[in-house]
Amino acid sequence: MIEIYRTNDIVKLSWIQALMSDAGIECVVLDQHASIIEGSIGAIQRRIMVLEEDANQARRVLTDAGELEEQQ
């Protein structure tokens, strides 16, 4: 799996998951439990992971949504 995004913002996390779902890309959020255990103070960011074969499409979706700069 490949990390495509990292954030402490749970609203943005949910929005990005919805973007991936709408694009037909399965994703997994890692470090949710670690973030809760440390008290949700934001020290541990949650990571959105996708399959390696979906990574380019996922990055395009995030770029189109204004969450990533265009890659050259």
N, C-alpha and C. Protein backbone atom coordinates (compact mmCIF):
# COMPACT_ATOMS: atom_id res chain seq x y z
N MET A 1 0.85 -1.18 0.00
CA MET A 1 0.00 0.00 0.00
C MET A 1 0.89 1.24 0.00
N ILE A 2 0.34 2.31 -0.55
CA ILE A 2 1.06 3.56 -0.70
C ILE A 2 0.32 4.67 0.06
N GLU A 3 1.06 5.47 0.80
CA GLU A 3 0.46 6.62 1.47
C GLU A 3 0.22 7.72 0.45
N ILE A 4 -1.02 8.24 0.44
CA ILE A 4 -1.31 9.34 -0.50
C ILE A 4 -1.62 10.64 0.22
N TYR A 5 -1.94 10.55 1.52
CA TYR A 5 -2.27 11.77 2.26
C TYR A 5 -2.07 11.53 3.74
N ARG A 6 -1.77 12.60 4.45
CA ARG A 6 -1.55 12.53 5.91
C ARG A 6 -2.15 13.79 6.52
N THR A 7 -2.95 13.62 7.57
CA THR A 7 -3.58 14.78 8.19
C THR A 7 -4.02 14.47 9.62
N ASN A 8 -4.19 15.53 10.40
CA ASN A 8 -4.81 15.44 11.72
C ASN A 8 -6.26 15.90 11.69
N ASP A 9 -6.67 16.48 10.59
CA ASP A 9 -8.00 17.05 10.43
C ASP A 9 -9.01 15.94 10.11
N ILE A 10 -9.87 15.59 11.09
CA ILE A 10 -10.79 14.47 10.89
C ILE A 10 -11.87 14.79 9.85
N VAL A 11 -12.20 16.06 9.68
CA VAL A 11 -13.18 16.44 8.65
C VAL A 11 -12.56 16.23 7.27
N LYS A 12 -11.32 16.69 7.09
CA LYS A 12 -10.64 16.50 5.81
C LYS A 12 -10.42 15.02 5.54
N LEU A 13 -10.10 14.27 6.58
CA LEU A 13 -9.91 12.83 6.45
C LEU A 13 -11.17 12.17 5.90
N SER A 14 -12.30 12.52 6.46
CA SER A 14 -13.58 11.97 6.02
C SER A 14 -13.88 12.39 4.58
N TRP A 15 -13.59 13.64 4.24
CA TRP A 15 -13.84 14.15 2.90
C TRP A 15 -12.99 13.42 1.87
N ILE A 16 -11.72 13.19 2.19
CA ILE A 16 -10.83 12.50 1.26
C ILE A 16 -11.26 11.04 1.09
N GLN A 17 -11.71 10.43 2.17
CA GLN A 17 -12.24 9.06 2.05
C GLN A 17 -13.44 9.05 1.11
N ALA A 18 -14.30 10.05 1.20
CA ALA A 18 -15.46 10.14 0.31
C ALA A 18 -15.03 10.35 -1.13
N LEU A 19 -14.01 11.18 -1.36
CA LEU A 19 -13.48 11.38 -2.71
C LEU A 19 -12.98 10.06 -3.30
N MET A 20 -12.25 9.32 -2.49
CA MET A 20 -11.72 8.04 -2.96
C MET A 20 -12.86 7.06 -3.27
N SER A 21 -13.84 7.03 -2.41
CA SER A 21 -14.98 6.14 -2.62
C SER A 21 -15.72 6.50 -3.90
N ASP A 22 -15.95 7.78 -4.11
CA ASP A 22 -16.64 8.24 -5.33
C ASP A 22 -15.86 7.88 -6.59
N ALA A 23 -14.53 7.82 -6.48
CA ALA A 23 -13.68 7.48 -7.62
C ALA A 23 -13.50 5.98 -7.77
N GLY A 24 -14.09 5.21 -6.86
CA GLY A 24 -13.97 3.76 -6.93
C GLY A 24 -12.64 3.24 -6.42
N ILE A 25 -11.99 4.02 -5.58
CA ILE A 25 -10.68 3.65 -5.03
C ILE A 25 -10.85 3.26 -3.57
N GLU A 26 -10.44 2.04 -3.26
CA GLU A 26 -10.48 1.61 -1.86
C GLU A 26 -9.32 2.23 -1.11
N CYS A 27 -9.58 2.70 0.09
CA CYS A 27 -8.51 3.25 0.90
C CYS A 27 -8.65 2.77 2.34
N VAL A 28 -7.54 2.87 3.05
CA VAL A 28 -7.48 2.47 4.45
C VAL A 28 -6.86 3.63 5.22
N VAL A 29 -7.38 3.90 6.41
CA VAL A 29 -6.80 4.93 7.27
C VAL A 29 -5.98 4.25 8.35
N LEU A 30 -4.71 4.59 8.40
CA LEU A 30 -3.82 4.04 9.42
C LEU A 30 -3.56 5.06 10.51
N ASP A 31 -3.22 4.57 11.67
CA ASP A 31 -2.83 5.38 12.84
C ASP A 31 -4.02 6.03 13.55
N GLN A 32 -5.24 5.60 13.26
CA GLN A 32 -6.40 6.16 13.97
C GLN A 32 -6.33 5.84 15.46
N HIS A 33 -6.03 4.59 15.77
CA HIS A 33 -6.01 4.18 17.17
C HIS A 33 -4.85 4.81 17.92
N ALA A 34 -3.71 4.93 17.29
CA ALA A 34 -2.55 5.57 17.93
C ALA A 34 -2.86 7.04 18.23
N SER A 35 -3.57 7.68 17.32
CA SER A 35 -3.94 9.08 17.51
C SER A 35 -4.88 9.23 18.69
N ILE A 36 -5.81 8.30 18.84
CA ILE A 36 -6.76 8.35 19.96
C ILE A 36 -6.05 8.08 21.28
N ILE A 37 -5.15 7.10 21.27
CA ILE A 37 -4.42 6.74 22.50
C ILE A 37 -3.58 7.90 23.00
N GLU A 38 -2.96 8.67 22.10
CA GLU A 38 -2.12 9.78 22.53
C GLU A 38 -2.96 10.99 22.92
N GLY A 39 -4.25 10.84 22.93
CA GLY A 39 -5.13 11.90 23.42
C GLY A 39 -5.67 12.82 22.35
N SER A 40 -5.49 12.47 21.10
CA SER A 40 -5.98 13.26 19.96
C SER A 40 -5.49 14.70 20.00
N ILE A 41 -4.25 14.88 20.46
CA ILE A 41 -3.68 16.23 20.49
C ILE A 41 -3.02 16.60 19.17
N GLY A 42 -2.99 15.67 18.25
CA GLY A 42 -2.47 15.96 16.92
C GLY A 42 -1.02 15.60 16.72
N ALA A 43 -0.42 14.91 17.67
CA ALA A 43 0.99 14.54 17.52
C ALA A 43 1.19 13.45 16.47
N ILE A 44 0.21 12.58 16.32
CA ILE A 44 0.31 11.49 15.35
C ILE A 44 -0.73 11.71 14.25
N GLN A 45 -0.25 11.93 13.05
CA GLN A 45 -1.17 12.15 11.94
C GLN A 45 -1.71 10.82 11.43
N ARG A 46 -2.92 10.86 10.94
CA ARG A 46 -3.53 9.68 10.32
C ARG A 46 -3.14 9.65 8.85
N ARG A 47 -2.89 8.44 8.34
CA ARG A 47 -2.43 8.28 6.96
C ARG A 47 -3.48 7.57 6.13
N ILE A 48 -3.72 8.09 4.94
CA ILE A 48 -4.63 7.45 3.99
C ILE A 48 -3.77 6.66 3.02
N MET A 49 -4.07 5.38 2.94
CA MET A 49 -3.30 4.46 2.11
C MET A 49 -4.19 3.87 1.03
N VAL A 50 -3.62 3.66 -0.16
CA VAL A 50 -4.32 3.01 -1.26
C VAL A 50 -3.41 1.93 -1.82
N LEU A 51 -4.00 1.04 -2.61
CA LEU A 51 -3.20 0.03 -3.29
C LEU A 51 -2.25 0.72 -4.27
N GLU A 52 -1.10 0.10 -4.46
CA GLU A 52 -0.09 0.70 -5.33
C GLU A 52 -0.63 0.97 -6.73
N GLU A 53 -1.45 0.06 -7.25
CA GLU A 53 -1.98 0.26 -8.60
C GLU A 53 -3.02 1.38 -8.68
N ASP A 54 -3.54 1.84 -7.55
CA ASP A 54 -4.51 2.94 -7.52
C ASP A 54 -3.88 4.28 -7.17
N ALA A 55 -2.59 4.28 -6.84
CA ALA A 55 -1.94 5.49 -6.31
C ALA A 55 -1.98 6.66 -7.29
N ASN A 56 -1.68 6.43 -8.57
CA ASN A 56 -1.68 7.53 -9.53
C ASN A 56 -3.07 8.14 -9.69
N GLN A 57 -4.08 7.28 -9.78
CA GLN A 57 -5.45 7.79 -9.90
C GLN A 57 -5.86 8.54 -8.64
N ALA A 58 -5.48 8.03 -7.47
CA ALA A 58 -5.81 8.69 -6.21
C ALA A 58 -5.16 10.06 -6.13
N ARG A 59 -3.92 10.16 -6.58
CA ARG A 59 -3.23 11.46 -6.57
C ARG A 59 -3.91 12.43 -7.54
N ARG A 60 -4.37 11.93 -8.69
CA ARG A 60 -5.10 12.80 -9.63
C ARG A 60 -6.39 13.33 -9.00
N VAL A 61 -7.10 12.45 -8.29
CA VAL A 61 -8.34 12.86 -7.62
C VAL A 61 -8.02 13.96 -6.60
N LEU A 62 -6.97 13.78 -5.82
CA LEU A 62 -6.59 14.79 -4.82
C LEU A 62 -6.12 16.08 -5.48
N THR A 63 -5.41 15.97 -6.58
CA THR A 63 -4.97 17.16 -7.31
C THR A 63 -6.16 17.93 -7.85
N ASP A 64 -7.11 17.22 -8.45
CA ASP A 64 -8.32 17.86 -8.99
C ASP A 64 -9.14 18.53 -7.88
N ALA A 65 -9.07 17.97 -6.67
CA ALA A 65 -9.81 18.53 -5.54
C ALA A 65 -9.04 19.67 -4.86
N GLY A 66 -7.82 19.94 -5.34
CA GLY A 66 -7.03 21.03 -4.77
C GLY A 66 -6.26 20.66 -3.51
N GLU A 67 -6.12 19.37 -3.25
CA GLU A 67 -5.43 18.92 -2.05
C GLU A 67 -3.96 18.60 -2.29
N LEU A 68 -3.57 18.42 -3.53
CA LEU A 68 -2.17 18.18 -3.88
C LEU A 68 -1.81 19.11 -5.03
N GLU A 69 -0.55 19.53 -5.07
CA GLU A 69 -0.09 20.31 -6.21
C GLU A 69 0.13 19.36 -7.39
N GLU A 70 -0.05 19.88 -8.57
CA GLU A 70 0.14 19.06 -9.76
C GLU A 70 1.58 18.59 -9.85
N GLN A 71 1.74 17.31 -10.20
CA GLN A 71 3.07 16.74 -10.35
C GLN A 71 3.56 16.99 -11.77
N GLN A 72 4.86 17.26 -11.88
CA GLN A 72 5.40 17.56 -13.20
C GLN A 72 6.20 16.43 -13.73
